[in-house]
Amino acid sequence: MTEMMNTISLEALKAGDREAFAHLVDETSAHIYRAALQILGDERDAEDVLQETYLKAFRALPDFEGRSSLTTWLYRIAVNEALMLVRKRKPPAISVEEPEPFDAEAESEEMEIVDFCCLPERDTLSSETRRFMDRAVRKLPENLRMVFVMRDIEGYTIQETAQALGLSENNVKVRLLRARLRLRQELSVYFGGKIQEESRR
């Protein structure tokens, strides 16, 4: 899409063009729903977030200044909606500090990490693998999942993630490392099985 088309599209959206808005929904809703589902772990809640995101976006579009892309702006609305829902249903889910000290080396030593460097590329990119990875993310404890999704999937900075979740930056880093270690363990077991399958063929 050219810069001129982007300008026309934004002008149409800001003017309340419903056809342009429907196109925006078509282009972005799948990604926004997936992000909400990964944060919340519940399909119905993710659908509610999706609906609220576009309702708020439609109302706010006339005041959108274009300091970020439309997609980034929509993601921020969706993440904020998801966070509000989490705080409403489970107030203790987001604590200010980690309850216990974290030793990354000790935790990683307890995990059996399989070397999956030899896994064929077609398997690492398969829809089956992507589904497994999505399930693994959703299995993370909520406080770890939210940090991982915001930082590693949606691309928020450590500072932005900390501000959104009401955490210190150090706690975001700790939770992110915990999440990555847990996912590494899950994926190691999965890819280890894939390697064994390949070796038997």
N, C-alpha and C. Protein backbone atom coordinates (compact mmCIF):
# COMPACT_ATOMS: atom_id res chain seq x y z
N MET A 1 0.84 -1.19 0.00
CA MET A 1 0.00 0.00 0.00
C MET A 1 0.88 1.24 0.00
N THR A 2 0.61 2.14 -0.90
CA THR A 2 1.43 3.33 -1.01
C THR A 2 1.11 4.31 0.09
N GLU A 3 2.01 5.32 0.26
CA GLU A 3 1.79 6.33 1.27
C GLU A 3 0.50 7.10 1.00
N MET A 4 0.23 7.37 -0.29
CA MET A 4 -0.99 8.10 -0.65
C MET A 4 -2.23 7.29 -0.27
N MET A 5 -2.21 5.98 -0.53
CA MET A 5 -3.35 5.14 -0.17
C MET A 5 -3.54 5.11 1.34
N ASN A 6 -2.43 5.08 2.09
CA ASN A 6 -2.53 5.11 3.53
C ASN A 6 -3.19 6.40 4.00
N THR A 7 -2.81 7.52 3.36
CA THR A 7 -3.38 8.82 3.72
C THR A 7 -4.87 8.86 3.44
N ILE A 8 -5.25 8.37 2.25
CA ILE A 8 -6.67 8.35 1.88
C ILE A 8 -7.46 7.47 2.84
N SER A 9 -6.89 6.30 3.15
CA SER A 9 -7.56 5.38 4.05
C SER A 9 -7.76 6.01 5.43
N LEU A 10 -6.74 6.68 5.93
CA LEU A 10 -6.84 7.30 7.24
C LEU A 10 -7.86 8.43 7.21
N GLU A 11 -7.85 9.20 6.14
CA GLU A 11 -8.83 10.29 6.01
C GLU A 11 -10.24 9.74 5.99
N ALA A 12 -10.43 8.63 5.27
CA ALA A 12 -11.75 8.01 5.19
C ALA A 12 -12.19 7.51 6.57
N LEU A 13 -11.25 6.90 7.27
CA LEU A 13 -11.56 6.39 8.61
C LEU A 13 -11.93 7.53 9.56
N LYS A 14 -11.15 8.59 9.53
CA LYS A 14 -11.39 9.72 10.42
C LYS A 14 -12.71 10.42 10.09
N ALA A 15 -13.14 10.28 8.83
CA ALA A 15 -14.40 10.89 8.39
C ALA A 15 -15.60 10.01 8.72
N GLY A 16 -15.32 8.81 9.27
CA GLY A 16 -16.42 7.93 9.64
C GLY A 16 -16.90 7.01 8.54
N ASP A 17 -16.05 6.80 7.52
CA ASP A 17 -16.41 5.92 6.41
C ASP A 17 -16.52 4.48 6.93
N ARG A 18 -17.74 3.95 6.95
CA ARG A 18 -17.96 2.61 7.51
C ARG A 18 -17.36 1.50 6.65
N GLU A 19 -17.30 1.72 5.36
CA GLU A 19 -16.70 0.71 4.48
C GLU A 19 -15.19 0.62 4.75
N ALA A 20 -14.55 1.76 4.92
CA ALA A 20 -13.12 1.77 5.23
C ALA A 20 -12.87 1.12 6.58
N PHE A 21 -13.77 1.38 7.54
CA PHE A 21 -13.60 0.80 8.86
C PHE A 21 -13.79 -0.72 8.81
N ALA A 22 -14.75 -1.18 8.02
CA ALA A 22 -14.97 -2.62 7.86
C ALA A 22 -13.74 -3.29 7.27
N HIS A 23 -13.07 -2.59 6.34
CA HIS A 23 -11.84 -3.12 5.75
C HIS A 23 -10.74 -3.20 6.81
N LEU A 24 -10.66 -2.18 7.65
CA LEU A 24 -9.67 -2.18 8.73
C LEU A 24 -9.90 -3.37 9.68
N VAL A 25 -11.16 -3.62 10.01
CA VAL A 25 -11.50 -4.75 10.87
C VAL A 25 -11.09 -6.06 10.22
N ASP A 26 -11.39 -6.20 8.94
CA ASP A 26 -11.04 -7.43 8.22
C ASP A 26 -9.53 -7.68 8.24
N GLU A 27 -8.76 -6.60 8.10
CA GLU A 27 -7.32 -6.73 8.00
C GLU A 27 -6.64 -6.99 9.34
N THR A 28 -7.24 -6.56 10.44
CA THR A 28 -6.54 -6.60 11.73
C THR A 28 -7.18 -7.49 12.79
N SER A 29 -8.41 -7.90 12.59
CA SER A 29 -9.13 -8.57 13.68
C SER A 29 -8.52 -9.91 14.08
N ALA A 30 -8.00 -10.67 13.12
CA ALA A 30 -7.43 -11.98 13.45
C ALA A 30 -6.24 -11.85 14.39
N HIS A 31 -5.37 -10.89 14.11
CA HIS A 31 -4.18 -10.70 14.95
C HIS A 31 -4.57 -10.18 16.33
N ILE A 32 -5.50 -9.25 16.38
CA ILE A 32 -5.91 -8.68 17.65
C ILE A 32 -6.62 -9.73 18.51
N TYR A 33 -7.46 -10.53 17.89
CA TYR A 33 -8.13 -11.61 18.63
C TYR A 33 -7.10 -12.58 19.19
N ARG A 34 -6.10 -12.94 18.39
CA ARG A 34 -5.08 -13.89 18.84
C ARG A 34 -4.30 -13.32 20.02
N ALA A 35 -3.95 -12.05 19.96
CA ALA A 35 -3.22 -11.44 21.07
C ALA A 35 -4.07 -11.43 22.34
N ALA A 36 -5.36 -11.09 22.20
CA ALA A 36 -6.25 -11.08 23.37
C ALA A 36 -6.42 -12.48 23.94
N LEU A 37 -6.53 -13.48 23.06
CA LEU A 37 -6.69 -14.86 23.52
C LEU A 37 -5.45 -15.33 24.26
N GLN A 38 -4.27 -14.94 23.76
CA GLN A 38 -3.03 -15.35 24.42
C GLN A 38 -2.89 -14.71 25.80
N ILE A 39 -3.34 -13.48 25.92
CA ILE A 39 -3.27 -12.79 27.21
C ILE A 39 -4.28 -13.37 28.19
N LEU A 40 -5.50 -13.59 27.72
CA LEU A 40 -6.60 -13.95 28.61
C LEU A 40 -6.82 -15.45 28.75
N GLY A 41 -6.47 -16.21 27.72
CA GLY A 41 -6.64 -17.65 27.77
C GLY A 41 -8.09 -18.11 27.73
N ASP A 42 -9.00 -17.24 27.29
CA ASP A 42 -10.42 -17.58 27.25
C ASP A 42 -11.04 -16.99 25.98
N GLU A 43 -11.67 -17.84 25.18
CA GLU A 43 -12.19 -17.40 23.88
C GLU A 43 -13.28 -16.34 24.03
N ARG A 44 -14.18 -16.54 24.99
CA ARG A 44 -15.26 -15.58 25.17
C ARG A 44 -14.74 -14.22 25.60
N ASP A 45 -13.78 -14.23 26.51
CA ASP A 45 -13.17 -12.97 26.95
C ASP A 45 -12.45 -12.29 25.80
N ALA A 46 -11.76 -13.08 24.98
CA ALA A 46 -11.05 -12.51 23.84
C ALA A 46 -12.02 -11.89 22.84
N GLU A 47 -13.17 -12.52 22.66
CA GLU A 47 -14.19 -11.96 21.77
C GLU A 47 -14.73 -10.64 22.31
N ASP A 48 -14.92 -10.58 23.64
CA ASP A 48 -15.37 -9.33 24.26
C ASP A 48 -14.35 -8.22 24.06
N VAL A 49 -13.07 -8.56 24.23
CA VAL A 49 -12.01 -7.57 24.03
C VAL A 49 -11.99 -7.10 22.58
N LEU A 50 -12.15 -8.03 21.66
CA LEU A 50 -12.17 -7.68 20.23
C LEU A 50 -13.29 -6.69 19.94
N GLN A 51 -14.48 -6.96 20.45
CA GLN A 51 -15.62 -6.08 20.21
C GLN A 51 -15.38 -4.70 20.82
N GLU A 52 -14.92 -4.66 22.07
CA GLU A 52 -14.69 -3.38 22.73
C GLU A 52 -13.59 -2.59 22.05
N THR A 53 -12.59 -3.29 21.54
CA THR A 53 -11.48 -2.61 20.85
C THR A 53 -11.99 -1.82 19.66
N TYR A 54 -12.82 -2.44 18.85
CA TYR A 54 -13.28 -1.75 17.64
C TYR A 54 -14.35 -0.70 17.95
N LEU A 55 -15.14 -0.92 18.98
CA LEU A 55 -16.10 0.11 19.39
C LEU A 55 -15.38 1.37 19.85
N LYS A 56 -14.35 1.18 20.68
CA LYS A 56 -13.59 2.33 21.17
C LYS A 56 -12.79 2.98 20.05
N ALA A 57 -12.24 2.16 19.16
CA ALA A 57 -11.46 2.70 18.05
C ALA A 57 -12.34 3.54 17.13
N PHE A 58 -13.53 3.06 16.84
CA PHE A 58 -14.42 3.80 15.94
C PHE A 58 -14.76 5.17 16.52
N ARG A 59 -15.01 5.19 17.84
CA ARG A 59 -15.35 6.46 18.49
C ARG A 59 -14.15 7.40 18.55
N ALA A 60 -12.96 6.82 18.70
CA ALA A 60 -11.77 7.64 18.89
C ALA A 60 -11.06 8.03 17.60
N LEU A 61 -11.42 7.43 16.49
CA LEU A 61 -10.72 7.69 15.23
C LEU A 61 -10.66 9.17 14.83
N PRO A 62 -11.72 9.94 15.02
CA PRO A 62 -11.62 11.36 14.64
C PRO A 62 -10.50 12.11 15.34
N ASP A 63 -10.09 11.63 16.51
CA ASP A 63 -9.02 12.29 17.27
C ASP A 63 -7.66 11.60 17.10
N PHE A 64 -7.60 10.56 16.27
CA PHE A 64 -6.34 9.84 16.06
C PHE A 64 -5.36 10.75 15.33
N GLU A 65 -4.19 10.94 15.95
CA GLU A 65 -3.22 11.89 15.40
C GLU A 65 -2.16 11.24 14.51
N GLY A 66 -2.15 9.92 14.43
CA GLY A 66 -1.21 9.25 13.55
C GLY A 66 0.22 9.21 14.04
N ARG A 67 0.43 9.33 15.36
CA ARG A 67 1.78 9.27 15.90
C ARG A 67 2.34 7.85 15.85
N SER A 68 1.46 6.88 15.77
CA SER A 68 1.85 5.49 15.56
C SER A 68 1.00 4.95 14.42
N SER A 69 1.30 3.73 13.97
CA SER A 69 0.49 3.14 12.92
C SER A 69 -0.88 2.78 13.48
N LEU A 70 -1.86 2.65 12.58
CA LEU A 70 -3.19 2.25 13.01
C LEU A 70 -3.17 0.90 13.71
N THR A 71 -2.35 0.00 13.18
CA THR A 71 -2.27 -1.33 13.77
C THR A 71 -1.74 -1.27 15.20
N THR A 72 -0.66 -0.53 15.40
CA THR A 72 -0.10 -0.38 16.75
C THR A 72 -1.11 0.25 17.69
N TRP A 73 -1.81 1.25 17.21
CA TRP A 73 -2.83 1.94 18.00
C TRP A 73 -3.94 0.97 18.43
N LEU A 74 -4.40 0.15 17.49
CA LEU A 74 -5.43 -0.84 17.80
C LEU A 74 -4.94 -1.87 18.81
N TYR A 75 -3.68 -2.33 18.65
CA TYR A 75 -3.13 -3.30 19.59
C TYR A 75 -3.07 -2.73 21.00
N ARG A 76 -2.72 -1.46 21.10
CA ARG A 76 -2.65 -0.84 22.43
C ARG A 76 -4.03 -0.79 23.07
N ILE A 77 -5.04 -0.47 22.28
CA ILE A 77 -6.41 -0.46 22.81
C ILE A 77 -6.78 -1.86 23.28
N ALA A 78 -6.47 -2.86 22.46
CA ALA A 78 -6.82 -4.25 22.79
C ALA A 78 -6.11 -4.72 24.06
N VAL A 79 -4.83 -4.42 24.17
CA VAL A 79 -4.08 -4.83 25.35
C VAL A 79 -4.63 -4.15 26.60
N ASN A 80 -4.95 -2.87 26.49
CA ASN A 80 -5.53 -2.15 27.63
C ASN A 80 -6.87 -2.76 28.04
N GLU A 81 -7.69 -3.13 27.05
CA GLU A 81 -8.97 -3.77 27.35
C GLU A 81 -8.75 -5.12 28.04
N ALA A 82 -7.79 -5.88 27.56
CA ALA A 82 -7.49 -7.18 28.17
C ALA A 82 -7.01 -7.01 29.61
N LEU A 83 -6.16 -6.02 29.83
CA LEU A 83 -5.65 -5.77 31.18
C LEU A 83 -6.76 -5.36 32.13
N MET A 84 -7.67 -4.54 31.66
CA MET A 84 -8.79 -4.12 32.51
C MET A 84 -9.65 -5.32 32.87
N LEU A 85 -9.84 -6.22 31.91
CA LEU A 85 -10.65 -7.41 32.17
C LEU A 85 -9.96 -8.32 33.18
N VAL A 86 -8.65 -8.46 33.06
CA VAL A 86 -7.90 -9.29 34.01
C VAL A 86 -7.99 -8.71 35.41
N ARG A 87 -7.81 -7.41 35.52
CA ARG A 87 -7.87 -6.77 36.84
C ARG A 87 -9.26 -6.88 37.45
N LYS A 88 -10.28 -6.86 36.60
CA LYS A 88 -11.66 -6.94 37.08
C LYS A 88 -11.99 -8.33 37.59
N ARG A 89 -11.52 -9.35 36.88
CA ARG A 89 -11.91 -10.71 37.25
C ARG A 89 -10.96 -11.32 38.29
N LYS A 90 -9.69 -10.90 38.29
CA LYS A 90 -8.71 -11.46 39.21
C LYS A 90 -7.78 -10.36 39.69
N PRO A 91 -8.21 -9.55 40.63
CA PRO A 91 -7.37 -8.45 41.12
C PRO A 91 -5.98 -8.87 41.58
N PRO A 92 -5.80 -10.03 42.24
CA PRO A 92 -4.46 -10.39 42.72
C PRO A 92 -3.52 -10.88 41.63
N ALA A 93 -4.02 -11.02 40.39
CA ALA A 93 -3.21 -11.64 39.35
C ALA A 93 -1.95 -10.85 39.04
N ILE A 94 -2.02 -9.53 39.20
CA ILE A 94 -0.87 -8.70 38.89
C ILE A 94 -0.34 -8.10 40.17
N SER A 95 0.74 -8.63 40.67
CA SER A 95 1.32 -8.11 41.89
C SER A 95 2.48 -7.18 41.57
N VAL A 96 2.81 -6.32 42.51
CA VAL A 96 3.85 -5.33 42.26
C VAL A 96 5.23 -5.98 42.21
N GLU A 97 5.47 -6.94 43.10
CA GLU A 97 6.79 -7.57 43.14
C GLU A 97 6.68 -9.09 43.09
N GLU A 98 7.77 -9.75 42.67
CA GLU A 98 7.81 -11.20 42.68
C GLU A 98 7.82 -11.69 44.13
N PRO A 99 7.04 -12.73 44.48
CA PRO A 99 6.95 -13.18 45.86
C PRO A 99 8.20 -13.89 46.36
N GLU A 100 9.03 -14.43 45.44
CA GLU A 100 10.20 -15.14 45.90
C GLU A 100 11.38 -14.82 44.98
N PRO A 101 12.63 -14.96 45.47
CA PRO A 101 13.79 -14.69 44.63
C PRO A 101 13.86 -15.68 43.48
N PHE A 102 14.51 -15.27 42.42
CA PHE A 102 14.54 -16.08 41.20
C PHE A 102 15.99 -16.37 40.82
N ASP A 103 16.32 -17.64 40.70
CA ASP A 103 17.65 -18.07 40.30
C ASP A 103 17.53 -18.72 38.94
N ALA A 104 17.86 -17.97 37.89
CA ALA A 104 17.67 -18.48 36.53
C ALA A 104 18.53 -19.71 36.27
N GLU A 105 19.76 -19.72 36.77
CA GLU A 105 20.64 -20.86 36.54
C GLU A 105 20.10 -22.11 37.20
N ALA A 106 19.60 -21.96 38.43
CA ALA A 106 19.06 -23.12 39.15
C ALA A 106 17.82 -23.66 38.45
N GLU A 107 16.94 -22.77 38.00
CA GLU A 107 15.72 -23.23 37.34
C GLU A 107 16.05 -23.93 36.04
N SER A 108 16.99 -23.36 35.28
CA SER A 108 17.30 -23.95 33.98
C SER A 108 17.98 -25.31 34.14
N GLU A 109 18.71 -25.50 35.25
CA GLU A 109 19.38 -26.78 35.47
C GLU A 109 18.38 -27.91 35.71
N GLU A 110 17.17 -27.55 36.19
CA GLU A 110 16.16 -28.56 36.47
C GLU A 110 15.44 -29.00 35.20
N MET A 111 15.66 -28.31 34.11
CA MET A 111 14.93 -28.60 32.89
C MET A 111 15.81 -29.41 31.93
N GLU A 112 15.18 -30.40 31.32
CA GLU A 112 15.89 -31.19 30.32
C GLU A 112 15.72 -30.50 28.97
N ILE A 113 16.80 -29.89 28.49
CA ILE A 113 16.74 -29.13 27.24
C ILE A 113 17.27 -29.99 26.11
N VAL A 114 16.42 -30.27 25.14
CA VAL A 114 16.80 -31.07 23.98
C VAL A 114 17.32 -30.15 22.89
N ASP A 115 18.42 -30.56 22.27
CA ASP A 115 18.97 -29.77 21.17
C ASP A 115 18.14 -30.04 19.93
N PHE A 116 17.38 -29.02 19.47
CA PHE A 116 16.53 -29.24 18.30
C PHE A 116 17.03 -28.47 17.09
N CYS A 117 18.36 -28.32 17.01
CA CYS A 117 18.94 -27.59 15.87
C CYS A 117 18.75 -28.34 14.56
N CYS A 118 18.61 -29.65 14.65
CA CYS A 118 18.55 -30.47 13.43
C CYS A 118 17.12 -30.68 12.92
N LEU A 119 16.15 -30.09 13.57
CA LEU A 119 14.77 -30.27 13.14
C LEU A 119 14.57 -29.62 11.77
N PRO A 120 13.96 -30.34 10.81
CA PRO A 120 13.75 -29.77 9.48
C PRO A 120 12.94 -28.48 9.54
N GLU A 121 13.30 -27.53 8.69
CA GLU A 121 12.66 -26.22 8.73
C GLU A 121 11.16 -26.32 8.47
N ARG A 122 10.75 -27.24 7.62
CA ARG A 122 9.32 -27.34 7.31
C ARG A 122 8.50 -27.68 8.55
N ASP A 123 9.10 -28.38 9.51
CA ASP A 123 8.38 -28.70 10.74
C ASP A 123 8.33 -27.51 11.68
N THR A 124 9.41 -26.73 11.74
CA THR A 124 9.42 -25.59 12.65
C THR A 124 8.43 -24.53 12.20
N LEU A 125 8.06 -24.55 10.92
CA LEU A 125 7.13 -23.56 10.40
C LEU A 125 5.74 -24.13 10.17
N SER A 126 5.50 -25.38 10.53
CA SER A 126 4.22 -26.01 10.24
C SER A 126 3.11 -25.43 11.10
N SER A 127 1.88 -25.58 10.61
CA SER A 127 0.73 -25.10 11.38
C SER A 127 0.59 -25.88 12.68
N GLU A 128 0.97 -27.16 12.66
CA GLU A 128 0.92 -27.97 13.87
C GLU A 128 1.84 -27.39 14.95
N THR A 129 3.05 -27.02 14.53
CA THR A 129 4.01 -26.45 15.48
C THR A 129 3.53 -25.12 16.01
N ARG A 130 2.97 -24.30 15.14
CA ARG A 130 2.45 -23.00 15.59
C ARG A 130 1.32 -23.18 16.59
N ARG A 131 0.45 -24.17 16.33
CA ARG A 131 -0.64 -24.44 17.28
C ARG A 131 -0.09 -24.90 18.62
N PHE A 132 0.95 -25.74 18.57
CA PHE A 132 1.56 -26.21 19.81
C PHE A 132 2.15 -25.03 20.58
N MET A 133 2.83 -24.15 19.89
CA MET A 133 3.43 -22.99 20.54
C MET A 133 2.37 -22.09 21.17
N ASP A 134 1.25 -21.90 20.46
CA ASP A 134 0.15 -21.10 21.01
C ASP A 134 -0.38 -21.74 22.29
N ARG A 135 -0.55 -23.07 22.25
CA ARG A 135 -1.05 -23.76 23.46
C ARG A 135 -0.05 -23.64 24.60
N ALA A 136 1.24 -23.72 24.27
CA ALA A 136 2.26 -23.62 25.31
C ALA A 136 2.23 -22.24 25.96
N VAL A 137 2.02 -21.21 25.16
CA VAL A 137 1.93 -19.85 25.71
C VAL A 137 0.72 -19.74 26.63
N ARG A 138 -0.40 -20.30 26.21
CA ARG A 138 -1.63 -20.21 27.02
C ARG A 138 -1.53 -21.00 28.32
N LYS A 139 -0.65 -21.98 28.37
CA LYS A 139 -0.47 -22.78 29.58
C LYS A 139 0.37 -22.06 30.63
N LEU A 140 1.04 -20.99 30.24
CA LEU A 140 1.85 -20.24 31.20
C LEU A 140 0.95 -19.64 32.28
N PRO A 141 1.44 -19.52 33.50
CA PRO A 141 0.66 -18.80 34.52
C PRO A 141 0.35 -17.40 34.03
N GLU A 142 -0.79 -16.87 34.44
CA GLU A 142 -1.26 -15.61 33.88
C GLU A 142 -0.24 -14.47 34.02
N ASN A 143 0.41 -14.38 35.18
CA ASN A 143 1.34 -13.27 35.36
C ASN A 143 2.55 -13.37 34.44
N LEU A 144 2.96 -14.60 34.09
CA LEU A 144 4.06 -14.78 33.14
C LEU A 144 3.58 -14.62 31.71
N ARG A 145 2.40 -15.14 31.43
CA ARG A 145 1.86 -15.09 30.06
C ARG A 145 1.69 -13.66 29.58
N MET A 146 1.16 -12.81 30.45
CA MET A 146 0.89 -11.43 30.03
C MET A 146 2.18 -10.70 29.69
N VAL A 147 3.21 -10.91 30.50
CA VAL A 147 4.50 -10.27 30.22
C VAL A 147 5.09 -10.81 28.92
N PHE A 148 5.03 -12.13 28.73
CA PHE A 148 5.59 -12.73 27.52
C PHE A 148 4.88 -12.25 26.26
N VAL A 149 3.55 -12.23 26.30
CA VAL A 149 2.79 -11.81 25.13
C VAL A 149 3.09 -10.35 24.79
N MET A 150 3.09 -9.48 25.80
CA MET A 150 3.32 -8.07 25.54
C MET A 150 4.73 -7.81 25.02
N ARG A 151 5.72 -8.47 25.63
CA ARG A 151 7.11 -8.19 25.27
C ARG A 151 7.56 -8.95 24.03
N ASP A 152 7.36 -10.26 24.01
CA ASP A 152 7.95 -11.09 22.96
C ASP A 152 7.04 -11.29 21.75
N ILE A 153 5.73 -11.15 21.93
CA ILE A 153 4.82 -11.35 20.80
C ILE A 153 4.37 -10.02 20.22
N GLU A 154 3.93 -9.11 21.08
CA GLU A 154 3.42 -7.83 20.60
C GLU A 154 4.51 -6.76 20.48
N GLY A 155 5.70 -7.03 21.03
CA GLY A 155 6.83 -6.14 20.80
C GLY A 155 6.90 -4.90 21.66
N TYR A 156 6.18 -4.88 22.78
CA TYR A 156 6.30 -3.74 23.69
C TYR A 156 7.67 -3.76 24.35
N THR A 157 8.19 -2.58 24.69
CA THR A 157 9.47 -2.51 25.39
C THR A 157 9.28 -2.96 26.84
N ILE A 158 10.40 -3.21 27.51
CA ILE A 158 10.34 -3.55 28.93
C ILE A 158 9.65 -2.43 29.70
N GLN A 159 9.99 -1.19 29.38
CA GLN A 159 9.41 -0.04 30.09
C GLN A 159 7.91 0.04 29.84
N GLU A 160 7.49 -0.13 28.59
CA GLU A 160 6.06 -0.07 28.26
C GLU A 160 5.29 -1.19 28.94
N THR A 161 5.87 -2.38 28.95
CA THR A 161 5.23 -3.52 29.60
C THR A 161 5.09 -3.28 31.10
N ALA A 162 6.14 -2.75 31.69
CA ALA A 162 6.12 -2.47 33.13
C ALA A 162 5.04 -1.45 33.47
N GLN A 163 4.94 -0.39 32.66
CA GLN A 163 3.94 0.65 32.90
C GLN A 163 2.53 0.10 32.76
N ALA A 164 2.31 -0.72 31.74
CA ALA A 164 0.98 -1.26 31.48
C ALA A 164 0.52 -2.20 32.59
N LEU A 165 1.46 -2.97 33.14
CA LEU A 165 1.11 -3.98 34.14
C LEU A 165 1.28 -3.49 35.57
N GLY A 166 1.81 -2.29 35.74
CA GLY A 166 2.01 -1.77 37.09
C GLY A 166 3.12 -2.50 37.83
N LEU A 167 4.15 -2.91 37.10
CA LEU A 167 5.28 -3.64 37.68
C LEU A 167 6.56 -2.81 37.57
N SER A 168 7.57 -3.19 38.33
CA SER A 168 8.88 -2.60 38.13
C SER A 168 9.50 -3.24 36.89
N GLU A 169 10.44 -2.55 36.27
CA GLU A 169 11.09 -3.10 35.09
C GLU A 169 11.84 -4.38 35.44
N ASN A 170 12.41 -4.44 36.64
CA ASN A 170 13.12 -5.63 37.06
C ASN A 170 12.18 -6.83 37.15
N ASN A 171 10.97 -6.59 37.65
CA ASN A 171 10.00 -7.69 37.75
C ASN A 171 9.56 -8.16 36.37
N VAL A 172 9.43 -7.25 35.42
CA VAL A 172 9.10 -7.64 34.05
C VAL A 172 10.20 -8.55 33.51
N LYS A 173 11.45 -8.18 33.75
CA LYS A 173 12.57 -8.99 33.25
C LYS A 173 12.58 -10.37 33.89
N VAL A 174 12.29 -10.43 35.19
CA VAL A 174 12.26 -11.72 35.89
C VAL A 174 11.15 -12.60 35.35
N ARG A 175 9.95 -12.02 35.21
CA ARG A 175 8.81 -12.81 34.71
C ARG A 175 9.03 -13.24 33.26
N LEU A 176 9.65 -12.37 32.48
CA LEU A 176 9.93 -12.71 31.09
C LEU A 176 10.90 -13.88 31.01
N LEU A 177 11.92 -13.86 31.84
CA LEU A 177 12.87 -14.96 31.85
C LEU A 177 12.22 -16.25 32.31
N ARG A 178 11.37 -16.18 33.32
CA ARG A 178 10.63 -17.36 33.78
C ARG A 178 9.79 -17.93 32.64
N ALA A 179 9.08 -17.06 31.95
CA ALA A 179 8.22 -17.50 30.85
C ALA A 179 9.03 -18.15 29.74
N ARG A 180 10.15 -17.52 29.38
CA ARG A 180 10.98 -18.08 28.31
C ARG A 180 11.54 -19.43 28.68
N LEU A 181 11.96 -19.60 29.95
CA LEU A 181 12.48 -20.90 30.39
C LEU A 181 11.41 -21.98 30.34
N ARG A 182 10.20 -21.64 30.77
CA ARG A 182 9.11 -22.63 30.75
C ARG A 182 8.77 -23.02 29.32
N LEU A 183 8.72 -22.03 28.44
CA LEU A 183 8.41 -22.33 27.04
C LEU A 183 9.53 -23.13 26.39
N ARG A 184 10.76 -22.80 26.77
CA ARG A 184 11.89 -23.54 26.22
C ARG A 184 11.79 -25.01 26.59
N GLN A 185 11.37 -25.28 27.81
CA GLN A 185 11.21 -26.68 28.24
C GLN A 185 10.11 -27.37 27.44
N GLU A 186 8.96 -26.69 27.31
CA GLU A 186 7.83 -27.27 26.56
C GLU A 186 8.23 -27.57 25.12
N LEU A 187 8.90 -26.61 24.48
CA LEU A 187 9.26 -26.77 23.08
C LEU A 187 10.37 -27.79 22.90
N SER A 188 11.26 -27.90 23.88
CA SER A 188 12.32 -28.89 23.79
C SER A 188 11.75 -30.30 23.77
N VAL A 189 10.77 -30.56 24.63
CA VAL A 189 10.13 -31.87 24.66
C VAL A 189 9.44 -32.13 23.32
N TYR A 190 8.73 -31.13 22.81
CA TYR A 190 8.00 -31.28 21.55
C TYR A 190 8.95 -31.55 20.39
N PHE A 191 9.99 -30.71 20.26
CA PHE A 191 10.92 -30.87 19.16
C PHE A 191 11.76 -32.13 19.31
N GLY A 192 12.03 -32.54 20.56
CA GLY A 192 12.74 -33.78 20.77
C GLY A 192 11.97 -34.96 20.20
N GLY A 193 10.65 -34.94 20.39
CA GLY A 193 9.80 -35.98 19.82
C GLY A 193 9.82 -35.93 18.31
N LYS A 194 9.84 -34.72 17.74
CA LYS A 194 9.89 -34.58 16.29
C LYS A 194 11.18 -35.17 15.72
N ILE A 195 12.29 -34.91 16.41
CA ILE A 195 13.57 -35.43 15.94
C ILE A 195 13.56 -36.96 15.95
N GLN A 196 12.98 -37.55 17.00
CA GLN A 196 12.91 -39.01 17.08
C GLN A 196 12.05 -39.57 15.95
N GLU A 197 10.96 -38.87 15.62
CA GLU A 197 10.10 -39.30 14.51
C GLU A 197 10.89 -39.29 13.20
N GLU A 198 11.66 -38.20 12.99
CA GLU A 198 12.43 -38.09 11.76
C GLU A 198 13.49 -39.18 11.65
N SER A 199 14.10 -39.53 12.80
CA SER A 199 15.17 -40.53 12.78
C SER A 199 14.65 -41.93 12.47
N ARG A 200 13.36 -42.16 12.73
CA ARG A 200 12.78 -43.49 12.49
C ARG A 200 12.29 -43.64 11.05
N ARG A 201 12.29 -42.54 10.30
CA ARG A 201 11.78 -42.63 8.92
C ARG A 201 12.86 -43.11 7.97
